[in-house]
Structures are given as structure tokens and as C-alpha cells.
N, C-alpha and C. Protein backbone atom coordinates (compact mmCIF):
# COMPACT_ATOMS: atom_id res chain seq x y z
N MET A 1 56.31 196.33 118.07
CA MET A 1 57.71 196.43 118.41
C MET A 1 57.86 197.32 119.63
N TYR A 2 59.02 197.19 120.24
CA TYR A 2 59.33 197.96 121.44
C TYR A 2 60.72 198.57 121.29
N ALA A 3 60.99 199.58 122.10
CA ALA A 3 62.30 200.23 122.06
C ALA A 3 62.79 200.48 123.47
N ILE A 4 64.10 200.45 123.61
CA ILE A 4 64.75 200.94 124.82
C ILE A 4 65.18 202.36 124.50
N LEU A 5 64.68 203.33 125.27
CA LEU A 5 65.12 204.72 125.15
C LEU A 5 66.21 204.94 126.18
N ILE A 6 67.31 205.50 125.74
CA ILE A 6 68.46 205.75 126.62
C ILE A 6 68.78 207.23 126.54
N HIS A 7 69.04 207.87 127.68
CA HIS A 7 69.41 209.29 127.67
C HIS A 7 70.35 209.57 128.84
N THR A 8 71.46 210.25 128.56
CA THR A 8 72.40 210.58 129.63
C THR A 8 73.25 211.77 129.24
N THR A 9 73.91 212.38 130.20
CA THR A 9 74.80 213.52 129.98
C THR A 9 76.17 213.18 130.54
N TYR A 10 77.18 213.24 129.65
CA TYR A 10 78.55 212.95 130.07
C TYR A 10 79.41 214.20 130.22
N GLY A 11 79.00 215.31 129.66
CA GLY A 11 79.75 216.55 129.78
C GLY A 11 80.44 216.93 128.48
N PRO A 12 80.99 218.14 128.45
CA PRO A 12 81.64 218.66 127.25
C PRO A 12 82.82 217.78 126.82
N GLY A 13 83.03 217.71 125.50
CA GLY A 13 84.20 217.02 124.97
C GLY A 13 84.15 215.50 125.05
N THR A 14 82.96 214.93 125.17
CA THR A 14 82.86 213.47 125.35
C THR A 14 82.28 212.75 124.14
N ARG A 15 82.06 213.45 123.04
CA ARG A 15 81.37 212.82 121.90
C ARG A 15 82.10 211.58 121.38
N ALA A 16 83.41 211.67 121.17
CA ALA A 16 84.14 210.52 120.62
C ALA A 16 84.00 209.30 121.53
N ARG A 17 84.09 209.51 122.84
CA ARG A 17 83.94 208.38 123.76
C ARG A 17 82.50 207.90 123.83
N ALA A 18 81.54 208.82 123.72
CA ALA A 18 80.13 208.42 123.69
C ALA A 18 79.84 207.57 122.44
N GLU A 19 80.46 207.91 121.32
CA GLU A 19 80.30 207.11 120.10
C GLU A 19 80.91 205.72 120.27
N GLN A 20 82.08 205.66 120.91
CA GLN A 20 82.68 204.35 121.20
C GLN A 20 81.77 203.53 122.09
N MET A 21 81.19 204.17 123.07
CA MET A 21 80.24 203.49 123.97
C MET A 21 79.07 202.93 123.17
N ALA A 22 78.50 203.75 122.29
CA ALA A 22 77.36 203.31 121.47
C ALA A 22 77.76 202.12 120.59
N ASP A 23 78.94 202.19 119.98
CA ASP A 23 79.41 201.10 119.12
C ASP A 23 79.54 199.79 119.90
N ARG A 24 80.13 199.86 121.07
CA ARG A 24 80.36 198.65 121.86
C ARG A 24 79.07 198.07 122.43
N VAL A 25 78.21 198.92 122.92
CA VAL A 25 76.93 198.44 123.47
C VAL A 25 76.09 197.82 122.36
N THR A 26 76.13 198.42 121.17
CA THR A 26 75.37 197.87 120.04
C THR A 26 75.89 196.50 119.64
N GLN A 27 77.20 196.29 119.71
CA GLN A 27 77.76 194.96 119.42
C GLN A 27 77.12 193.92 120.34
N ASP A 28 76.98 194.27 121.62
CA ASP A 28 76.35 193.36 122.57
C ASP A 28 74.88 193.15 122.23
N PHE A 29 74.15 194.24 121.96
CA PHE A 29 72.73 194.12 121.63
C PHE A 29 72.51 193.22 120.42
N ARG A 30 73.37 193.33 119.41
CA ARG A 30 73.20 192.55 118.18
C ARG A 30 73.24 191.04 118.42
N THR A 31 73.84 190.60 119.51
CA THR A 31 73.93 189.17 119.79
C THR A 31 72.67 188.65 120.47
N ARG A 32 71.77 189.54 120.84
CA ARG A 32 70.60 189.15 121.62
C ARG A 32 69.38 188.93 120.74
N PRO A 33 68.56 187.92 121.10
CA PRO A 33 67.36 187.63 120.31
C PRO A 33 66.41 188.82 120.26
N GLY A 34 65.84 189.05 119.10
CA GLY A 34 64.84 190.09 118.94
C GLY A 34 65.38 191.46 118.57
N PHE A 35 66.71 191.60 118.48
CA PHE A 35 67.29 192.90 118.12
C PHE A 35 66.90 193.28 116.70
N LYS A 36 66.49 194.54 116.50
CA LYS A 36 66.13 195.04 115.17
C LYS A 36 67.11 196.12 114.69
N SER A 37 67.33 197.15 115.51
CA SER A 37 68.20 198.24 115.09
C SER A 37 68.55 199.13 116.28
N ALA A 38 69.57 199.97 116.07
CA ALA A 38 69.96 200.93 117.10
C ALA A 38 70.35 202.25 116.42
N THR A 39 69.88 203.34 116.99
CA THR A 39 70.22 204.68 116.52
C THR A 39 70.55 205.52 117.74
N PHE A 40 71.64 206.28 117.63
CA PHE A 40 72.07 207.12 118.74
C PHE A 40 72.12 208.57 118.29
N TYR A 41 72.01 209.50 119.23
CA TYR A 41 71.97 210.92 118.88
C TYR A 41 72.71 211.76 119.92
N GLU A 42 73.10 212.95 119.48
CA GLU A 42 73.67 213.96 120.37
C GLU A 42 72.59 215.02 120.55
N ALA A 43 72.10 215.18 121.76
CA ALA A 43 71.03 216.13 122.04
C ALA A 43 71.58 217.54 122.29
N ASP A 44 72.78 217.62 122.87
CA ASP A 44 73.38 218.92 123.19
C ASP A 44 74.89 218.76 123.20
N ALA A 45 75.56 219.33 122.20
CA ALA A 45 77.01 219.20 122.07
C ALA A 45 77.74 219.92 123.20
N ILE A 46 77.24 221.05 123.63
CA ILE A 46 77.92 221.82 124.67
C ILE A 46 77.87 221.08 126.01
N GLU A 47 76.72 220.52 126.33
CA GLU A 47 76.55 219.80 127.60
C GLU A 47 77.03 218.35 127.53
N GLY A 48 77.24 217.84 126.31
CA GLY A 48 77.61 216.43 126.16
C GLY A 48 76.46 215.51 126.51
N GLU A 49 75.29 215.83 125.98
CA GLU A 49 74.07 215.08 126.26
C GLU A 49 73.77 214.16 125.08
N TYR A 50 73.59 212.86 125.37
CA TYR A 50 73.43 211.86 124.32
C TYR A 50 72.27 210.92 124.64
N GLY A 51 71.82 210.22 123.61
CA GLY A 51 70.76 209.25 123.81
C GLY A 51 70.72 208.24 122.69
N GLY A 52 69.82 207.28 122.85
CA GLY A 52 69.69 206.25 121.84
C GLY A 52 68.31 205.63 121.85
N LEU A 53 68.02 204.99 120.74
CA LEU A 53 66.76 204.28 120.55
C LEU A 53 67.12 202.92 119.98
N VAL A 54 66.87 201.86 120.76
CA VAL A 54 67.23 200.50 120.35
C VAL A 54 65.93 199.72 120.18
N ILE A 55 65.68 199.25 118.97
CA ILE A 55 64.40 198.62 118.61
C ILE A 55 64.49 197.10 118.77
N TRP A 56 63.41 196.53 119.35
CA TRP A 56 63.31 195.09 119.61
C TRP A 56 61.99 194.56 119.07
N GLU A 57 61.96 193.29 118.72
CA GLU A 57 60.74 192.67 118.20
C GLU A 57 59.63 192.60 119.23
N THR A 58 59.98 192.33 120.50
CA THR A 58 58.98 192.19 121.56
C THR A 58 59.41 192.92 122.82
N LYS A 59 58.44 193.16 123.68
CA LYS A 59 58.74 193.77 124.98
C LYS A 59 59.64 192.85 125.80
N GLU A 60 59.38 191.55 125.73
CA GLU A 60 60.19 190.59 126.48
C GLU A 60 61.65 190.62 126.02
N ALA A 61 61.87 190.74 124.72
CA ALA A 61 63.24 190.82 124.19
C ALA A 61 63.93 192.08 124.68
N ALA A 62 63.21 193.20 124.69
CA ALA A 62 63.78 194.46 125.17
C ALA A 62 64.12 194.37 126.65
N GLU A 63 63.21 193.82 127.45
CA GLU A 63 63.45 193.68 128.89
C GLU A 63 64.65 192.78 129.16
N ALA A 64 64.72 191.66 128.46
CA ALA A 64 65.82 190.72 128.67
C ALA A 64 67.15 191.36 128.28
N ALA A 65 67.16 192.08 127.17
CA ALA A 65 68.39 192.73 126.71
C ALA A 65 68.83 193.81 127.69
N LEU A 66 67.89 194.58 128.18
CA LEU A 66 68.22 195.63 129.14
C LEU A 66 68.79 195.03 130.42
N ASP A 67 68.13 194.02 130.95
CA ASP A 67 68.61 193.37 132.17
C ASP A 67 70.01 192.80 131.98
N ALA A 68 70.24 192.14 130.85
CA ALA A 68 71.51 191.46 130.60
C ALA A 68 72.63 192.44 130.27
N SER A 69 72.31 193.60 129.73
CA SER A 69 73.34 194.50 129.21
C SER A 69 73.75 195.61 130.17
N LEU A 70 72.98 195.87 131.20
CA LEU A 70 73.31 197.00 132.09
C LEU A 70 74.69 196.88 132.71
N ALA A 71 75.02 195.73 133.25
CA ALA A 71 76.32 195.57 133.91
C ALA A 71 77.46 195.75 132.92
N SER A 72 77.35 195.14 131.74
CA SER A 72 78.43 195.28 130.76
C SER A 72 78.51 196.71 130.24
N ALA A 73 77.38 197.38 130.10
CA ALA A 73 77.38 198.78 129.65
C ALA A 73 78.11 199.66 130.66
N HIS A 74 77.91 199.41 131.94
CA HIS A 74 78.61 200.19 132.97
C HIS A 74 80.11 199.94 132.93
N LEU A 75 80.51 198.70 132.68
CA LEU A 75 81.94 198.39 132.55
C LEU A 75 82.54 199.09 131.34
N ILE A 76 81.84 199.07 130.23
CA ILE A 76 82.32 199.76 129.02
C ILE A 76 82.44 201.26 129.30
N ARG A 77 81.41 201.83 129.87
CA ARG A 77 81.40 203.26 130.20
C ARG A 77 82.57 203.63 131.10
N ASP A 78 82.77 202.84 132.15
CA ASP A 78 83.85 203.12 133.08
C ASP A 78 85.21 202.98 132.41
N GLY A 79 85.35 201.97 131.54
CA GLY A 79 86.60 201.76 130.82
C GLY A 79 86.93 202.91 129.87
N LEU A 80 85.92 203.59 129.38
CA LEU A 80 86.12 204.75 128.51
C LEU A 80 86.28 206.04 129.29
N GLY A 81 86.17 205.96 130.60
CA GLY A 81 86.30 207.15 131.44
C GLY A 81 85.10 208.08 131.36
N LEU A 82 83.95 207.52 131.05
CA LEU A 82 82.72 208.31 131.00
C LEU A 82 81.98 208.19 132.32
N GLN A 83 81.72 209.33 132.93
CA GLN A 83 80.94 209.35 134.16
C GLN A 83 79.77 210.30 133.96
N PRO A 84 78.56 209.80 134.10
CA PRO A 84 77.40 210.67 133.90
C PRO A 84 77.43 211.88 134.83
N GLN A 85 77.20 213.06 134.26
CA GLN A 85 77.10 214.28 135.07
C GLN A 85 75.69 214.45 135.61
N ARG A 86 74.75 213.86 134.92
CA ARG A 86 73.37 213.80 135.39
C ARG A 86 72.97 212.34 135.36
N ILE A 87 72.12 211.95 136.25
CA ILE A 87 71.68 210.56 136.29
C ILE A 87 71.02 210.22 134.96
N GLY A 88 71.57 209.22 134.30
CA GLY A 88 71.00 208.78 133.03
C GLY A 88 69.70 208.02 133.27
N ASN A 89 68.92 207.91 132.23
CA ASN A 89 67.70 207.13 132.38
C ASN A 89 67.49 206.26 131.16
N HIS A 90 66.74 205.23 131.35
CA HIS A 90 66.38 204.32 130.27
C HIS A 90 64.99 203.77 130.59
N ARG A 91 64.25 203.53 129.53
CA ARG A 91 62.92 202.97 129.70
C ARG A 91 62.53 202.22 128.44
N ILE A 92 61.57 201.35 128.59
CA ILE A 92 61.07 200.57 127.46
C ILE A 92 59.72 201.16 127.05
N VAL A 93 59.59 201.42 125.75
CA VAL A 93 58.36 202.00 125.22
C VAL A 93 57.86 201.17 124.04
N GLU A 94 56.56 201.21 123.82
CA GLU A 94 55.99 200.52 122.66
C GLU A 94 56.08 201.44 121.45
N ILE A 95 56.41 200.86 120.31
CA ILE A 95 56.55 201.61 119.06
C ILE A 95 55.26 201.50 118.25
N TYR A 96 54.80 202.62 117.77
CA TYR A 96 53.67 202.63 116.83
C TYR A 96 54.21 203.04 115.47
N GLU A 97 53.93 202.26 114.46
CA GLU A 97 54.33 202.59 113.10
C GLU A 97 53.10 202.99 112.31
N PRO A 98 53.06 204.23 111.81
CA PRO A 98 51.89 204.70 111.07
C PRO A 98 51.59 203.82 109.86
N LYS A 99 50.34 203.69 109.58
CA LYS A 99 49.91 202.92 108.42
C LYS A 99 50.21 203.71 107.15
N PRO A 100 50.53 203.01 106.05
CA PRO A 100 50.84 203.72 104.79
C PRO A 100 49.65 204.48 104.25
């Protein structure tokens, strides 16, 4: 399996809007082939730093979803009035699941 790692900083007082962003982006991801799950986190409440881990069945599914979703994610973000204070980043990583 593969994951899209997402990390960005929106600034203080942005948690509610960051959660709305996560909800809306996840709705889009769920429509795409290979989607497994999405989990989002707050890394720093004072700085408004957030991230997410979106799991996909294959690297190709993760790449296709990332390519297809970037433009709509920016529209959602802009519509919520979220502007990154630091350049956000995203990357695709391979997931290793420990053996039982």
C-alpha cells in the first residue's frame, strides 16, 4: 500500500476550517479508485500546523488521486479562506505493515 502525506501550516485559529478542508478533500478522495482511508492531525495548535495520511491500494492510485485532486483542493482551501503561512508539502510514500 501507499500513502499521500500532506503537511501545511495555516496559522492560529484555523482548526475548524482545516477540519472542513479535510472533510471536503476526503469526500473527493473516496470517489477515486484504490482509496483505503484518510486520517488527519493537528501538529501544532498555536501555529495552526496540520497534516494528513491518505492510504491507497497502489502507488498508481495515489499518484492519480494526487494529480486529480490538487486543483480542487486549492479551490476548497481558497473558498474556506485558508492561505498557507508556510509552503505546504505532499509526497507519496510506501507503507510497511509489520507482520503479526
